């Protein structure tokens, strides 16, 4: 079946769940949020969310970072 994942068409076997799709794409479920047809799925819903022909899936990755020298304070930094 054809589904659209992050704007690209993908071929997946009939009956593929959202969790299986992530496994196929080698994406760790705990590091992403999955949106299926404009609805955000809870992580517990991934194993039971069966994808259908034409579904639109967005996989949103968490990104962290910042400067290791950054310090959170209530006062502005002086240079």
PDB file of N, CA and C in Angstrom:
ATOM      1  N   UNK A   1       0.851  -1.181   0.000  1.00  0.00           N
ATOM      2  CA  UNK A   1       0.000   0.000   0.000  1.00  0.00           C
ATOM      3  C   UNK A   1       0.889   1.235   0.000  1.00  0.00           C
ATOM      4  N   UNK A   2       0.362   2.328  -0.512  1.00  0.00           N
ATOM      5  CA  UNK A   2       1.084   3.594  -0.571  1.00  0.00           C
ATOM      6  C   UNK A   2       0.623   4.506   0.571  1.00  0.00           C
ATOM      7  N   UNK A   3       1.584   5.011   1.327  1.00  0.00           N
ATOM      8  CA  UNK A   3       1.314   6.033   2.335  1.00  0.00           C
ATOM      9  C   UNK A   3       2.318   7.162   2.112  1.00  0.00           C
ATOM     10  N   UNK A   4       2.011   8.318   2.642  1.00  0.00           N
ATOM     11  CA  UNK A   4       2.918   9.457   2.522  1.00  0.00           C
ATOM     12  C   UNK A   4       3.541   9.696   3.897  1.00  0.00           C
ATOM     13  N   UNK A   5       4.859   9.611   3.948  1.00  0.00           N
ATOM     14  CA  UNK A   5       5.595   9.795   5.197  1.00  0.00           C
ATOM     15  C   UNK A   5       6.504  11.007   5.036  1.00  0.00           C
ATOM     16  N   UNK A   6       6.244  12.018   5.841  1.00  0.00           N
ATOM     17  CA  UNK A   6       7.014  13.270   5.773  1.00  0.00           C
ATOM     18  C   UNK A   6       7.103  13.788   4.342  1.00  0.00           C
ATOM     19  N   UNK A   7       5.975  13.726   3.634  1.00  0.00           N
ATOM     20  CA  UNK A   7       5.884  14.289   2.295  1.00  0.00           C
ATOM     21  C   UNK A   7       6.361  13.385   1.176  1.00  0.00           C
ATOM     22  N   UNK A   8       6.857  12.187   1.496  1.00  0.00           N
ATOM     23  CA  UNK A   8       7.349  11.266   0.470  1.00  0.00           C
ATOM     24  C   UNK A   8       6.499  10.005   0.433  1.00  0.00           C
ATOM     25  N   UNK A   9       6.183   9.537  -0.779  1.00  0.00           N
ATOM     26  CA  UNK A   9       5.422   8.295  -0.902  1.00  0.00           C
ATOM     27  C   UNK A   9       6.292   7.118  -0.502  1.00  0.00           C
ATOM     28  N   UNK A  10       5.685   6.217   0.261  1.00  0.00           N
ATOM     29  CA  UNK A  10       6.369   4.995   0.697  1.00  0.00           C
ATOM     30  C   UNK A  10       5.450   3.813   0.436  1.00  0.00           C
ATOM     31  N   UNK A  11       6.051   2.709   0.102  1.00  0.00           N
ATOM     32  CA  UNK A  11       5.320   1.457  -0.088  1.00  0.00           C
ATOM     33  C   UNK A  11       5.495   0.628   1.182  1.00  0.00           C
ATOM     34  N   UNK A  12       4.369   0.273   1.808  1.00  0.00           N
ATOM     35  CA  UNK A  12       4.391  -0.558   3.007  1.00  0.00           C
ATOM     36  C   UNK A  12       3.431  -1.723   2.813  1.00  0.00           C
ATOM     37  N   UNK A  13       3.681  -2.851   3.469  1.00  0.00           N
ATOM     38  CA  UNK A  13       2.750  -3.975   3.371  1.00  0.00           C
ATOM     39  C   UNK A  13       1.396  -3.632   3.999  1.00  0.00           C
ATOM     40  N   UNK A  14       0.328  -4.196   3.451  1.00  0.00           N
ATOM     41  CA  UNK A  14      -1.008  -4.026   4.038  1.00  0.00           C
ATOM     42  C   UNK A  14      -0.963  -4.451   5.502  1.00  0.00           C
ATOM     43  N   UNK A  15      -1.675  -3.724   6.350  1.00  0.00           N
ATOM     44  CA  UNK A  15      -1.759  -4.081   7.763  1.00  0.00           C
ATOM     45  C   UNK A  15      -0.612  -3.576   8.615  1.00  0.00           C
ATOM     46  N   UNK A  16       0.289  -2.804   8.027  1.00  0.00           N
ATOM     47  CA  UNK A  16       1.415  -2.256   8.787  1.00  0.00           C
ATOM     48  C   UNK A  16       0.902  -1.279   9.837  1.00  0.00           C
ATOM     49  N   UNK A  17       1.406  -1.411  11.056  1.00  0.00           N
ATOM     50  CA  UNK A  17       1.041  -0.469  12.113  1.00  0.00           C
ATOM     51  C   UNK A  17       2.044   0.683  12.134  1.00  0.00           C
ATOM     52  N   UNK A  18       1.690   1.727  12.854  1.00  0.00           N
ATOM     53  CA  UNK A  18       2.599   2.872  12.984  1.00  0.00           C
ATOM     54  C   UNK A  18       3.914   2.437  13.627  1.00  0.00           C
ATOM     55  N   UNK A  19       3.842   1.552  14.611  1.00  0.00           N
ATOM     56  CA  UNK A  19       5.059   1.070  15.261  1.00  0.00           C
ATOM     57  C   UNK A  19       5.920   0.265  14.287  1.00  0.00           C
ATOM     58  N   UNK A  20       5.304  -0.602  13.500  1.00  0.00           N
ATOM     59  CA  UNK A  20       6.053  -1.380  12.511  1.00  0.00           C
ATOM     60  C   UNK A  20       6.705  -0.472  11.469  1.00  0.00           C
ATOM     61  N   UNK A  21       5.999   0.583  11.084  1.00  0.00           N
ATOM     62  CA  UNK A  21       6.563   1.534  10.130  1.00  0.00           C
ATOM     63  C   UNK A  21       7.826   2.165  10.704  1.00  0.00           C
ATOM     64  N   UNK A  22       7.770   2.579  11.978  1.00  0.00           N
ATOM     65  CA  UNK A  22       8.948   3.170  12.612  1.00  0.00           C
ATOM     66  C   UNK A  22      10.101   2.173  12.641  1.00  0.00           C
ATOM     67  N   UNK A  23       9.790   0.910  12.968  1.00  0.00           N
ATOM     68  CA  UNK A  23      10.831  -0.120  13.005  1.00  0.00           C
ATOM     69  C   UNK A  23      11.447  -0.302  11.622  1.00  0.00           C
ATOM     70  N   UNK A  24      10.604  -0.305  10.578  1.00  0.00           N
ATOM     71  CA  UNK A  24      11.086  -0.445   9.203  1.00  0.00           C
ATOM     72  C   UNK A  24      12.018   0.704   8.840  1.00  0.00           C
ATOM     73  N   UNK A  25      11.679   1.898   9.305  1.00  0.00           N
ATOM     74  CA  UNK A  25      12.481   3.088   9.011  1.00  0.00           C
ATOM     75  C   UNK A  25      13.657   3.260   9.976  1.00  0.00           C
ATOM     76  N   UNK A  26      13.792   2.307  10.915  1.00  0.00           N
ATOM     77  CA  UNK A  26      14.849   2.348  11.931  1.00  0.00           C
ATOM     78  C   UNK A  26      14.795   3.629  12.767  1.00  0.00           C
ATOM     79  N   UNK A  27      13.571   3.961  13.172  1.00  0.00           N
ATOM     80  CA  UNK A  27      13.330   5.139  14.006  1.00  0.00           C
ATOM     81  C   UNK A  27      12.905   4.660  15.390  1.00  0.00           C
ATOM     82  N   UNK A  28      13.533   5.187  16.428  1.00  0.00           N
ATOM     83  CA  UNK A  28      13.188   4.812  17.794  1.00  0.00           C
ATOM     84  C   UNK A  28      11.926   5.562  18.224  1.00  0.00           C
ATOM     85  N   UNK A  29      10.867   4.835  18.590  1.00  0.00           N
ATOM     86  CA  UNK A  29       9.594   5.482  18.945  1.00  0.00           C
ATOM     87  C   UNK A  29       9.708   6.484  20.090  1.00  0.00           C
ATOM     88  N   UNK A  30      10.618   6.244  21.017  1.00  0.00           N
ATOM     89  CA  UNK A  30      10.734   7.147  22.164  1.00  0.00           C
ATOM     90  C   UNK A  30      11.395   8.473  21.804  1.00  0.00           C
ATOM     91  N   UNK A  31      11.892   8.592  20.580  1.00  0.00           N
ATOM     92  CA  UNK A  31      12.562   9.824  20.154  1.00  0.00           C
ATOM     93  C   UNK A  31      11.745  10.652  19.165  1.00  0.00           C
ATOM     94  N   UNK A  32      10.511  10.226  18.901  1.00  0.00           N
ATOM     95  CA  UNK A  32       9.694  10.928  17.907  1.00  0.00           C
ATOM     96  C   UNK A  32       8.249  11.051  18.370  1.00  0.00           C
ATOM     97  N   UNK A  33       7.534  11.908  17.674  1.00  0.00           N
ATOM     98  CA  UNK A  33       6.077  11.983  17.779  1.00  0.00           C
ATOM     99  C   UNK A  33       5.550  11.632  16.397  1.00  0.00           C
ATOM    100  N   UNK A  34       4.483  10.829  16.361  1.00  0.00           N
ATOM    101  CA  UNK A  34       3.894  10.429  15.087  1.00  0.00           C
ATOM    102  C   UNK A  34       2.531  11.091  14.948  1.00  0.00           C
ATOM    103  N   UNK A  35       2.350  11.760  13.815  1.00  0.00           N
ATOM    104  CA  UNK A  35       1.071  12.373  13.474  1.00  0.00           C
ATOM    105  C   UNK A  35       0.491  11.572  12.313  1.00  0.00           C
ATOM    106  N   UNK A  36      -0.724  11.074  12.495  1.00  0.00           N
ATOM    107  CA  UNK A  36      -1.399  10.285  11.467  1.00  0.00           C
ATOM    108  C   UNK A  36      -2.641  11.042  11.025  1.00  0.00           C
ATOM    109  N   UNK A  37      -2.647  11.472   9.777  1.00  0.00           N
ATOM    110  CA  UNK A  37      -3.787  12.219   9.225  1.00  0.00           C
ATOM    111  C   UNK A  37      -4.194  13.381  10.133  1.00  0.00           C
ATOM    112  N   UNK A  38      -3.194  14.168  10.539  1.00  0.00           N
ATOM    113  CA  UNK A  38      -3.370  15.386  11.348  1.00  0.00           C
ATOM    114  C   UNK A  38      -3.741  15.121  12.805  1.00  0.00           C
ATOM    115  N   UNK A  39      -3.642  13.862  13.257  1.00  0.00           N
ATOM    116  CA  UNK A  39      -3.910  13.517  14.650  1.00  0.00           C
ATOM    117  C   UNK A  39      -2.636  12.967  15.275  1.00  0.00           C
ATOM    118  N   UNK A  40      -2.216  13.560  16.381  1.00  0.00           N
ATOM    119  CA  UNK A  40      -1.017  13.081  17.064  1.00  0.00           C
ATOM    120  C   UNK A  40      -1.367  11.808  17.826  1.00  0.00           C
ATOM    121  N   UNK A  41      -0.555  10.775  17.595  1.00  0.00           N
ATOM    122  CA  UNK A  41      -0.765   9.500  18.272  1.00  0.00           C
ATOM    123  C   UNK A  41       0.024   9.464  19.572  1.00  0.00           C
ATOM    124  N   UNK A  42      -0.608   8.932  20.618  1.00  0.00           N
ATOM    125  CA  UNK A  42       0.119   8.677  21.854  1.00  0.00           C
ATOM    126  C   UNK A  42       1.001   7.459  21.614  1.00  0.00           C
ATOM    127  N   UNK A  43       2.109   7.386  22.308  1.00  0.00           N
ATOM    128  CA  UNK A  43       3.035   6.273  22.112  1.00  0.00           C
ATOM    129  C   UNK A  43       2.330   4.929  22.302  1.00  0.00           C
ATOM    130  N   UNK A  44       1.408   4.845  23.248  1.00  0.00           N
ATOM    131  CA  UNK A  44       0.682   3.594  23.499  1.00  0.00           C
ATOM    132  C   UNK A  44      -0.224   3.204  22.332  1.00  0.00           C
ATOM    133  N   UNK A  45      -0.562   4.164  21.465  1.00  0.00           N
ATOM    134  CA  UNK A  45      -1.425   3.884  20.317  1.00  0.00           C
ATOM    135  C   UNK A  45      -0.660   3.330  19.116  1.00  0.00           C
ATOM    136  N   UNK A  46       0.648   3.467  19.089  1.00  0.00           N
ATOM    137  CA  UNK A  46       1.436   3.084  17.916  1.00  0.00           C
ATOM    138  C   UNK A  46       1.259   1.622  17.504  1.00  0.00           C
ATOM    139  N   UNK A  47       1.253   0.658  18.457  1.00  0.00           N
ATOM    140  CA  UNK A  47       1.107  -0.738  18.034  1.00  0.00           C
ATOM    141  C   UNK A  47      -0.259  -1.058  17.428  1.00  0.00           C
ATOM    142  N   UNK A  48      -1.292  -0.314  17.770  1.00  0.00           N
ATOM    143  CA  UNK A  48      -2.638  -0.600  17.275  1.00  0.00           C
ATOM    144  C   UNK A  48      -3.099   0.285  16.136  1.00  0.00           C
ATOM    145  N   UNK A  49      -2.291   1.267  15.768  1.00  0.00           N
ATOM    146  CA  UNK A  49      -2.669   2.199  14.697  1.00  0.00           C
ATOM    147  C   UNK A  49      -2.292   1.590  13.351  1.00  0.00           C
ATOM    148  N   UNK A  50      -3.262   0.946  12.707  1.00  0.00           N
ATOM    149  CA  UNK A  50      -3.025   0.290  11.421  1.00  0.00           C
ATOM    150  C   UNK A  50      -3.129   1.331  10.316  1.00  0.00           C
ATOM    151  N   UNK A  51      -2.078   1.411   9.515  1.00  0.00           N
ATOM    152  CA  UNK A  51      -2.052   2.374   8.414  1.00  0.00           C
ATOM    153  C   UNK A  51      -2.879   1.860   7.250  1.00  0.00           C
ATOM    154  N   UNK A  52      -3.457   2.806   6.513  1.00  0.00           N
ATOM    155  CA  UNK A  52      -4.294   2.472   5.362  1.00  0.00           C
ATOM    156  C   UNK A  52      -3.777   3.203   4.128  1.00  0.00           C
ATOM    157  N   UNK A  53      -4.143   2.694   2.973  1.00  0.00           N
ATOM    158  CA  UNK A  53      -3.779   3.298   1.693  1.00  0.00           C
ATOM    159  C   UNK A  53      -4.074   4.796   1.713  1.00  0.00           C
ATOM    160  N   UNK A  54      -3.086   5.601   1.346  1.00  0.00           N
ATOM    161  CA  UNK A  54      -3.281   7.045   1.246  1.00  0.00           C
ATOM    162  C   UNK A  54      -3.102   7.818   2.537  1.00  0.00           C
ATOM    163  N   UNK A  55      -2.848   7.124   3.658  1.00  0.00           N
ATOM    164  CA  UNK A  55      -2.636   7.835   4.920  1.00  0.00           C
ATOM    165  C   UNK A  55      -1.444   8.774   4.803  1.00  0.00           C
ATOM    166  N   UNK A  56      -1.523   9.852   5.580  1.00  0.00           N
ATOM    167  CA  UNK A  56      -0.427  10.821   5.656  1.00  0.00           C
ATOM    168  C   UNK A  56       0.158  10.752   7.064  1.00  0.00           C
ATOM    169  N   UNK A  57       1.445  10.488   7.113  1.00  0.00           N
ATOM    170  CA  UNK A  57       2.147  10.345   8.384  1.00  0.00           C
ATOM    171  C   UNK A  57       3.258  11.384   8.446  1.00  0.00           C
ATOM    172  N   UNK A  58       3.343  12.048   9.568  1.00  0.00           N
ATOM    173  CA  UNK A  58       4.464  12.949   9.827  1.00  0.00           C
ATOM    174  C   UNK A  58       5.202  12.397  11.041  1.00  0.00           C
ATOM    175  N   UNK A  59       6.506  12.253  10.904  1.00  0.00           N
ATOM    176  CA  UNK A  59       7.350  11.816  12.011  1.00  0.00           C
ATOM    177  C   UNK A  59       8.152  13.033  12.448  1.00  0.00           C
ATOM    178  N   UNK A  60       7.908  13.465  13.675  1.00  0.00           N
ATOM    179  CA  UNK A  60       8.557  14.662  14.192  1.00  0.00           C
ATOM    180  C   UNK A  60       9.623  14.230  15.190  1.00  0.00           C
ATOM    181  N   UNK A  61      10.878  14.554  14.886  1.00  0.00           N
ATOM    182  CA  UNK A  61      12.006  14.167  15.732  1.00  0.00           C
ATOM    183  C   UNK A  61      12.250  15.226  16.793  1.00  0.00           C
ATOM    184  N   UNK A  62      12.574  14.771  17.996  1.00  0.00           N
ATOM    185  CA  UNK A  62      12.979  15.680  19.052  1.00  0.00           C
ATOM    186  C   UNK A  62      14.424  16.079  18.806  1.00  0.00           C
ATOM    187  N   UNK A  63      14.711  17.348  18.963  1.00  0.00           N
ATOM    188  CA  UNK A  63      16.068  17.845  18.784  1.00  0.00           C
ATOM    189  C   UNK A  63      16.446  18.612  20.040  1.00  0.00           C
ATOM    190  N   UNK A  64      17.570  18.267  20.591  1.00  0.00           N
ATOM    191  CA  UNK A  64      18.053  18.971  21.766  1.00  0.00           C
ATOM    192  C   UNK A  64      19.392  19.600  21.449  1.00  0.00           C
ATOM    193  N   UNK A  65      19.803  20.454  22.286  1.00  0.00           N
ATOM    194  CA  UNK A  65      21.121  21.021  22.052  1.00  0.00           C
ATOM    195  C   UNK A  65      21.285  22.341  22.746  1.00  0.00           C
ATOM    196  N   UNK A  66      22.286  23.012  22.330  1.00  0.00           N
ATOM    197  CA  UNK A  66      22.622  24.289  22.931  1.00  0.00           C
ATOM    198  C   UNK A  66      24.098  24.301  23.252  1.00  0.00           C
ATOM    199  N   UNK A  67      24.541  25.386  23.695  1.00  0.00           N
ATOM    200  CA  UNK A  67      25.949  25.540  24.022  1.00  0.00           C
ATOM    201  C   UNK A  67      26.249  24.881  25.364  1.00  0.00           C
ATOM    202  N   UNK A  68      27.330  24.113  25.438  1.00  0.00           N
ATOM    203  CA  UNK A  68      27.682  23.525  26.734  1.00  0.00           C
ATOM    204  C   UNK A  68      28.083  24.587  27.754  1.00  0.00           C
ATOM    205  N   UNK A  69      28.445  25.800  27.284  1.00  0.00           N
ATOM    206  CA  UNK A  69      28.795  26.879  28.201  1.00  0.00           C
ATOM    207  C   UNK A  69      27.565  27.655  28.678  1.00  0.00           C
ATOM    208  N   UNK A  70      26.419  27.392  28.073  1.00  0.00           N
ATOM    209  CA  UNK A  70      25.216  28.141  28.439  1.00  0.00           C
ATOM    210  C   UNK A  70      24.811  27.799  29.867  1.00  0.00           C
ATOM    211  N   UNK A  71      24.502  28.828  30.613  1.00  0.00           N
ATOM    212  CA  UNK A  71      24.061  28.653  31.988  1.00  0.00           C
ATOM    213  C   UNK A  71      22.754  29.409  32.141  1.00  0.00           C
ATOM    214  N   UNK A  72      21.760  28.746  32.698  1.00  0.00           N
ATOM    215  CA  UNK A  72      20.482  29.411  32.925  1.00  0.00           C
ATOM    216  C   UNK A  72      20.544  30.187  34.234  1.00  0.00           C
ATOM    217  N   UNK A  73      20.346  31.494  34.140  1.00  0.00           N
ATOM    218  CA  UNK A  73      20.325  32.340  35.329  1.00  0.00           C
ATOM    219  C   UNK A  73      19.233  33.381  35.163  1.00  0.00           C
ATOM    220  N   UNK A  74      18.963  34.076  36.237  1.00  0.00           N
ATOM    221  CA  UNK A  74      17.980  35.153  36.195  1.00  0.00           C
ATOM    222  C   UNK A  74      18.613  36.483  35.798  1.00  0.00           C
ATOM    223  N   UNK A  75      19.938  36.529  35.736  1.00  0.00           N
ATOM    224  CA  UNK A  75      20.606  37.788  35.422  1.00  0.00           C
ATOM    225  C   UNK A  75      21.288  37.694  34.064  1.00  0.00           C
ATOM    226  N   UNK A  76      21.333  38.814  33.333  1.00  0.00           N
ATOM    227  CA  UNK A  76      22.012  38.800  32.040  1.00  0.00           C
ATOM    228  C   UNK A  76      23.511  38.580  32.209  1.00  0.00           C
ATOM    229  N   UNK A  77      24.119  37.993  31.196  1.00  0.00           N
ATOM    230  CA  UNK A  77      25.560  37.746  31.242  1.00  0.00           C
ATOM    231  C   UNK A  77      26.312  38.987  30.777  1.00  0.00           C
ATOM    232  N   UNK A  78      27.387  39.279  31.455  1.00  0.00           N
ATOM    233  CA  UNK A  78      28.259  40.390  31.079  1.00  0.00           C
ATOM    234  C   UNK A  78      29.437  39.809  30.313  1.00  0.00           C
ATOM    235  N   UNK A  79      29.897  40.534  29.294  1.00  0.00           N
ATOM    236  CA  UNK A  79      31.073  40.067  28.536  1.00  0.00           C
ATOM    237  C   UNK A  79      32.250  40.933  28.823  1.00  0.00           C
TER     238      UNK A  79
END
